[in-house]
Amino acid sequence: MIAFCTHCWTEVDSEDLQCPKGGADFGNDARSYEQKLVAALRHPLPEARVRVCWLLGENRFIARDPN
């Protein structure tokens, strides 16, 4: 299964505990669900971005790009 770091979108092994590129700790992500969804708008797979757009709409979140 393909897995990605939710911070930098580097492809990682699904069993990794932290990102080999940026060092993000996969078990300690303090971001809210909405913040994670907004970050996922940069996902490298187009079909994942489509799902994120649907989820943002379903949950009536207003996507605000933090950058």
PDB file of N, CA and C in Angstrom:
ATOM      1  N   MET A   1       0.838  -1.176   0.000  1.00  0.00           N
ATOM      2  CA  MET A   1       0.000   0.000   0.000  1.00  0.00           C
ATOM      3  C   MET A   1       0.888   1.246   0.000  1.00  0.00           C
ATOM      4  N   ILE A   2       0.525   2.223  -0.793  1.00  0.00           N
ATOM      5  CA  ILE A   2       1.256   3.478  -0.844  1.00  0.00           C
ATOM      6  C   ILE A   2       0.791   4.344   0.320  1.00  0.00           C
ATOM      7  N   ALA A   3       1.738   4.925   1.031  1.00  0.00           N
ATOM      8  CA  ALA A   3       1.429   5.851   2.121  1.00  0.00           C
ATOM      9  C   ALA A   3       2.238   7.118   1.907  1.00  0.00           C
ATOM     10  N   PHE A   4       1.737   8.222   2.451  1.00  0.00           N
ATOM     11  CA  PHE A   4       2.409   9.505   2.303  1.00  0.00           C
ATOM     12  C   PHE A   4       2.497  10.202   3.647  1.00  0.00           C
ATOM     13  N   CYS A   5       3.572  10.965   3.825  1.00  0.00           N
ATOM     14  CA  CYS A   5       3.687  11.834   4.990  1.00  0.00           C
ATOM     15  C   CYS A   5       2.632  12.916   4.834  1.00  0.00           C
ATOM     16  N   THR A   6       1.860  13.184   5.875  1.00  0.00           N
ATOM     17  CA  THR A   6       0.794  14.187   5.780  1.00  0.00           C
ATOM     18  C   THR A   6       1.310  15.607   5.985  1.00  0.00           C
ATOM     19  N   HIS A   7       2.617  15.752   6.102  1.00  0.00           N
ATOM     20  CA  HIS A   7       3.204  17.086   6.234  1.00  0.00           C
ATOM     21  C   HIS A   7       3.888  17.520   4.940  1.00  0.00           C
ATOM     22  N   CYS A   8       4.668  16.626   4.319  1.00  0.00           N
ATOM     23  CA  CYS A   8       5.415  17.010   3.113  1.00  0.00           C
ATOM     24  C   CYS A   8       5.020  16.189   1.881  1.00  0.00           C
ATOM     25  N   TRP A   9       4.160  15.209   2.055  1.00  0.00           N
ATOM     26  CA  TRP A   9       3.639  14.344   0.994  1.00  0.00           C
ATOM     27  C   TRP A   9       4.696  13.478   0.332  1.00  0.00           C
ATOM     28  N   THR A  10       5.771  13.195   1.054  1.00  0.00           N
ATOM     29  CA  THR A  10       6.774  12.238   0.601  1.00  0.00           C
ATOM     30  C   THR A  10       6.200  10.835   0.741  1.00  0.00           C
ATOM     31  N   GLU A  11       6.444   9.978  -0.242  1.00  0.00           N
ATOM     32  CA  GLU A  11       5.991   8.588  -0.144  1.00  0.00           C
ATOM     33  C   GLU A  11       6.791   7.894   0.955  1.00  0.00           C
ATOM     34  N   VAL A  12       6.082   7.201   1.856  1.00  0.00           N
ATOM     35  CA  VAL A  12       6.717   6.520   2.987  1.00  0.00           C
ATOM     36  C   VAL A  12       6.204   5.089   3.078  1.00  0.00           C
ATOM     37  N   ASP A  13       6.893   4.274   3.828  1.00  0.00           N
ATOM     38  CA  ASP A  13       6.436   2.924   4.105  1.00  0.00           C
ATOM     39  C   ASP A  13       5.277   3.025   5.096  1.00  0.00           C
ATOM     40  N   SER A  14       4.238   2.240   4.899  1.00  0.00           N
ATOM     41  CA  SER A  14       3.051   2.329   5.759  1.00  0.00           C
ATOM     42  C   SER A  14       3.340   1.976   7.217  1.00  0.00           C
ATOM     43  N   GLU A  15       4.483   1.382   7.493  1.00  0.00           N
ATOM     44  CA  GLU A  15       4.825   1.029   8.871  1.00  0.00           C
ATOM     45  C   GLU A  15       5.793   2.024   9.514  1.00  0.00           C
ATOM     46  N   ASP A  16       6.214   3.053   8.767  1.00  0.00           N
ATOM     47  CA  ASP A  16       7.110   4.063   9.333  1.00  0.00           C
ATOM     48  C   ASP A  16       6.417   4.818  10.463  1.00  0.00           C
ATOM     49  N   LEU A  17       7.182   5.206  11.464  1.00  0.00           N
ATOM     50  CA  LEU A  17       6.655   5.975  12.584  1.00  0.00           C
ATOM     51  C   LEU A  17       6.925   7.465  12.429  1.00  0.00           C
ATOM     52  N   GLN A  18       7.875   7.793  11.533  1.00  0.00           N
ATOM     53  CA  GLN A  18       8.133   9.195  11.241  1.00  0.00           C
ATOM     54  C   GLN A  18       8.617   9.330   9.808  1.00  0.00           C
ATOM     55  N   CYS A  19       8.492  10.540   9.280  1.00  0.00           N
ATOM     56  CA  CYS A  19       8.868  10.809   7.901  1.00  0.00           C
ATOM     57  C   CYS A  19      10.388  10.745   7.742  1.00  0.00           C
ATOM     58  N   PRO A  20      10.870   9.962   6.776  1.00  0.00           N
ATOM     59  CA  PRO A  20      12.303   9.877   6.564  1.00  0.00           C
ATOM     60  C   PRO A  20      12.893  11.173   5.983  1.00  0.00           C
ATOM     61  N   LYS A  21      12.053  11.998   5.363  1.00  0.00           N
ATOM     62  CA  LYS A  21      12.537  13.242   4.766  1.00  0.00           C
ATOM     63  C   LYS A  21      12.511  14.398   5.767  1.00  0.00           C
ATOM     64  N   GLY A  22      11.351  14.641   6.370  1.00  0.00           N
ATOM     65  CA  GLY A  22      11.201  15.807   7.241  1.00  0.00           C
ATOM     66  C   GLY A  22      11.189  15.498   8.724  1.00  0.00           C
ATOM     67  N   GLY A  23      11.090  14.217   9.080  1.00  0.00           N
ATOM     68  CA  GLY A  23      11.116  13.825  10.482  1.00  0.00           C
ATOM     69  C   GLY A  23       9.801  13.973  11.222  1.00  0.00           C
ATOM     70  N   ALA A  24       8.695  14.262  10.514  1.00  0.00           N
ATOM     71  CA  ALA A  24       7.397  14.407  11.184  1.00  0.00           C
ATOM     72  C   ALA A  24       7.034  13.107  11.892  1.00  0.00           C
ATOM     73  N   ASP A  25       6.565  13.236  13.129  1.00  0.00           N
ATOM     74  CA  ASP A  25       6.158  12.090  13.943  1.00  0.00           C
ATOM     75  C   ASP A  25       4.711  11.751  13.604  1.00  0.00           C
ATOM     76  N   PHE A  26       4.489  10.595  12.983  1.00  0.00           N
ATOM     77  CA  PHE A  26       3.146  10.220  12.541  1.00  0.00           C
ATOM     78  C   PHE A  26       2.187   9.936  13.692  1.00  0.00           C
ATOM     79  N   GLY A  27       2.706   9.622  14.855  1.00  0.00           N
ATOM     80  CA  GLY A  27       1.847   9.313  16.000  1.00  0.00           C
ATOM     81  C   GLY A  27       1.530  10.509  16.862  1.00  0.00           C
ATOM     82  N   ASN A  28       2.093  11.670  16.530  1.00  0.00           N
ATOM     83  CA  ASN A  28       1.917  12.842  17.379  1.00  0.00           C
ATOM     84  C   ASN A  28       1.606  14.065  16.521  1.00  0.00           C
ATOM     85  N   ASP A  29       0.434  14.073  15.908  1.00  0.00           N
ATOM     86  CA  ASP A  29       0.014  15.173  15.048  1.00  0.00           C
ATOM     87  C   ASP A  29      -1.096  15.938  15.756  1.00  0.00           C
ATOM     88  N   ALA A  30      -0.796  17.129  16.222  1.00  0.00           N
ATOM     89  CA  ALA A  30      -1.739  17.910  17.024  1.00  0.00           C
ATOM     90  C   ALA A  30      -2.725  18.719  16.180  1.00  0.00           C
ATOM     91  N   ARG A  31      -2.622  18.624  14.847  1.00  0.00           N
ATOM     92  CA  ARG A  31      -3.533  19.402  14.008  1.00  0.00           C
ATOM     93  C   ARG A  31      -4.963  18.878  14.123  1.00  0.00           C
ATOM     94  N   SER A  32      -5.919  19.788  13.930  1.00  0.00           N
ATOM     95  CA  SER A  32      -7.327  19.397  13.939  1.00  0.00           C
ATOM     96  C   SER A  32      -7.654  18.624  12.662  1.00  0.00           C
ATOM     97  N   TYR A  33      -8.799  17.967  12.666  1.00  0.00           N
ATOM     98  CA  TYR A  33      -9.263  17.236  11.482  1.00  0.00           C
ATOM     99  C   TYR A  33      -9.355  18.179  10.290  1.00  0.00           C
ATOM    100  N   GLU A  34      -9.908  19.368  10.512  1.00  0.00           N
ATOM    101  CA  GLU A  34     -10.045  20.338   9.428  1.00  0.00           C
ATOM    102  C   GLU A  34      -8.672  20.760   8.904  1.00  0.00           C
ATOM    103  N   GLN A  35      -7.716  21.000   9.785  1.00  0.00           N
ATOM    104  CA  GLN A  35      -6.373  21.384   9.355  1.00  0.00           C
ATOM    105  C   GLN A  35      -5.717  20.278   8.525  1.00  0.00           C
ATOM    106  N   LYS A  36      -5.940  19.037   8.915  1.00  0.00           N
ATOM    107  CA  LYS A  36      -5.381  17.912   8.155  1.00  0.00           C
ATOM    108  C   LYS A  36      -6.017  17.824   6.774  1.00  0.00           C
ATOM    109  N   LEU A  37      -7.327  18.064   6.700  1.00  0.00           N
ATOM    110  CA  LEU A  37      -7.996  18.028   5.403  1.00  0.00           C
ATOM    111  C   LEU A  37      -7.479  19.139   4.486  1.00  0.00           C
ATOM    112  N   VAL A  38      -7.329  20.327   5.023  1.00  0.00           N
ATOM    113  CA  VAL A  38      -6.824  21.443   4.216  1.00  0.00           C
ATOM    114  C   VAL A  38      -5.417  21.121   3.713  1.00  0.00           C
ATOM    115  N   ALA A  39      -4.583  20.550   4.569  1.00  0.00           N
ATOM    116  CA  ALA A  39      -3.234  20.166   4.153  1.00  0.00           C
ATOM    117  C   ALA A  39      -3.286  19.113   3.052  1.00  0.00           C
ATOM    118  N   ALA A  40      -4.284  18.237   3.098  1.00  0.00           N
ATOM    119  CA  ALA A  40      -4.406  17.156   2.115  1.00  0.00           C
ATOM    120  C   ALA A  40      -4.798  17.665   0.729  1.00  0.00           C
ATOM    121  N   LEU A  41      -5.155  18.937   0.611  1.00  0.00           N
ATOM    122  CA  LEU A  41      -5.420  19.503  -0.713  1.00  0.00           C
ATOM    123  C   LEU A  41      -4.160  19.522  -1.569  1.00  0.00           C
ATOM    124  N   ARG A  42      -3.003  19.311  -0.937  1.00  0.00           N
ATOM    125  CA  ARG A  42      -1.729  19.243  -1.665  1.00  0.00           C
ATOM    126  C   ARG A  42      -1.289  17.798  -1.930  1.00  0.00           C
ATOM    127  N   HIS A  43      -2.170  16.850  -1.660  1.00  0.00           N
ATOM    128  CA  HIS A  43      -1.838  15.434  -1.858  1.00  0.00           C
ATOM    129  C   HIS A  43      -1.431  15.207  -3.311  1.00  0.00           C
ATOM    130  N   PRO A  44      -0.412  14.362  -3.555  1.00  0.00           N
ATOM    131  CA  PRO A  44       0.049  14.143  -4.931  1.00  0.00           C
ATOM    132  C   PRO A  44      -0.918  13.355  -5.811  1.00  0.00           C
ATOM    133  N   LEU A  45      -1.854  12.628  -5.230  1.00  0.00           N
ATOM    134  CA  LEU A  45      -2.796  11.851  -6.039  1.00  0.00           C
ATOM    135  C   LEU A  45      -4.081  12.650  -6.258  1.00  0.00           C
ATOM    136  N   PRO A  46      -4.443  12.924  -7.520  1.00  0.00           N
ATOM    137  CA  PRO A  46      -5.629  13.733  -7.808  1.00  0.00           C
ATOM    138  C   PRO A  46      -6.904  13.182  -7.182  1.00  0.00           C
ATOM    139  N   GLU A  47      -7.069  11.863  -7.177  1.00  0.00           N
ATOM    140  CA  GLU A  47      -8.296  11.293  -6.624  1.00  0.00           C
ATOM    141  C   GLU A  47      -8.393  11.522  -5.115  1.00  0.00           C
ATOM    142  N   ALA A  48      -7.259  11.630  -4.437  1.00  0.00           N
ATOM    143  CA  ALA A  48      -7.267  11.939  -3.003  1.00  0.00           C
ATOM    144  C   ALA A  48      -7.721  13.388  -2.787  1.00  0.00           C
ATOM    145  N   ARG A  49      -7.270  14.293  -3.645  1.00  0.00           N
ATOM    146  CA  ARG A  49      -7.691  15.692  -3.524  1.00  0.00           C
ATOM    147  C   ARG A  49      -9.187  15.839  -3.759  1.00  0.00           C
ATOM    148  N   VAL A  50      -9.736  15.054  -4.682  1.00  0.00           N
ATOM    149  CA  VAL A  50     -11.186  15.090  -4.937  1.00  0.00           C
ATOM    150  C   VAL A  50     -11.942  14.638  -3.692  1.00  0.00           C
ATOM    151  N   ARG A  51     -11.476  13.557  -3.054  1.00  0.00           N
ATOM    152  CA  ARG A  51     -12.127  13.081  -1.816  1.00  0.00           C
ATOM    153  C   ARG A  51     -12.060  14.138  -0.721  1.00  0.00           C
ATOM    154  N   VAL A  52     -10.929  14.819  -0.632  1.00  0.00           N
ATOM    155  CA  VAL A  52     -10.767  15.861   0.385  1.00  0.00           C
ATOM    156  C   VAL A  52     -11.751  17.002   0.137  1.00  0.00           C
ATOM    157  N   CYS A  53     -11.897  17.410  -1.111  1.00  0.00           N
ATOM    158  CA  CYS A  53     -12.866  18.469  -1.431  1.00  0.00           C
ATOM    159  C   CYS A  53     -14.266  18.045  -1.020  1.00  0.00           C
ATOM    160  N   TRP A  54     -14.621  16.810  -1.285  1.00  0.00           N
ATOM    161  CA  TRP A  54     -15.946  16.303  -0.911  1.00  0.00           C
ATOM    162  C   TRP A  54     -16.103  16.334   0.612  1.00  0.00           C
ATOM    163  N   LEU A  55     -15.080  15.862   1.334  1.00  0.00           N
ATOM    164  CA  LEU A  55     -15.146  15.846   2.803  1.00  0.00           C
ATOM    165  C   LEU A  55     -15.248  17.255   3.382  1.00  0.00           C
ATOM    166  N   LEU A  56     -14.495  18.197   2.819  1.00  0.00           N
ATOM    167  CA  LEU A  56     -14.589  19.575   3.298  1.00  0.00           C
ATOM    168  C   LEU A  56     -16.011  20.107   3.117  1.00  0.00           C
ATOM    169  N   GLY A  57     -16.618  19.816   1.974  1.00  0.00           N
ATOM    170  CA  GLY A  57     -17.991  20.252   1.734  1.00  0.00           C
ATOM    171  C   GLY A  57     -19.000  19.546   2.624  1.00  0.00           C
ATOM    172  N   GLU A  58     -18.857  18.243   2.773  1.00  0.00           N
ATOM    173  CA  GLU A  58     -19.766  17.465   3.620  1.00  0.00           C
ATOM    174  C   GLU A  58     -19.758  17.959   5.064  1.00  0.00           C
ATOM    175  N   ASN A  59     -18.581  18.333   5.528  1.00  0.00           N
ATOM    176  CA  ASN A  59     -18.435  18.797   6.907  1.00  0.00           C
ATOM    177  C   ASN A  59     -18.616  20.306   7.039  1.00  0.00           C
ATOM    178  N   ARG A  60     -18.932  20.944   5.912  1.00  0.00           N
ATOM    179  CA  ARG A  60     -19.148  22.382   5.859  1.00  0.00           C
ATOM    180  C   ARG A  60     -17.965  23.184   6.424  1.00  0.00           C
ATOM    181  N   PHE A  61     -16.778  22.670   6.145  1.00  0.00           N
ATOM    182  CA  PHE A  61     -15.563  23.386   6.518  1.00  0.00           C
ATOM    183  C   PHE A  61     -15.270  24.417   5.443  1.00  0.00           C
ATOM    184  N   ILE A  62     -14.709  25.512   5.841  1.00  0.00           N
ATOM    185  CA  ILE A  62     -14.241  26.513   4.888  1.00  0.00           C
ATOM    186  C   ILE A  62     -12.734  26.362   4.839  1.00  0.00           C
ATOM    187  N   ALA A  63     -12.224  25.907   3.700  1.00  0.00           N
ATOM    188  CA  ALA A  63     -10.790  25.650   3.555  1.00  0.00           C
ATOM    189  C   ALA A  63     -10.036  26.962   3.532  1.00  0.00           C
ATOM    190  N   ARG A  64      -9.153  27.116   4.492  1.00  0.00           N
ATOM    191  CA  ARG A  64      -8.287  28.292   4.555  1.00  0.00           C
ATOM    192  C   ARG A  64      -6.850  27.822   4.435  1.00  0.00           C
ATOM    193  N   ASP A  65      -6.205  28.246   3.397  1.00  0.00           N
ATOM    194  CA  ASP A  65      -4.804  27.854   3.192  1.00  0.00           C
ATOM    195  C   ASP A  65      -3.954  28.634   4.186  1.00  0.00           C
ATOM    196  N   PRO A  66      -3.218  27.906   5.062  1.00  0.00           N
ATOM    197  CA  PRO A  66      -2.442  28.594   6.082  1.00  0.00           C
ATOM    198  C   PRO A  66      -1.228  29.345   5.517  1.00  0.00           C
ATOM    199  N   ASN A  67      -0.865  29.075   4.268  1.00  0.00           N
ATOM    200  CA  ASN A  67       0.322  29.743   3.696  1.00  0.00           C
ATOM    201  C   ASN A  67      -0.039  30.935   2.878  1.00  0.00           C
TER     202      ASN A  67
END
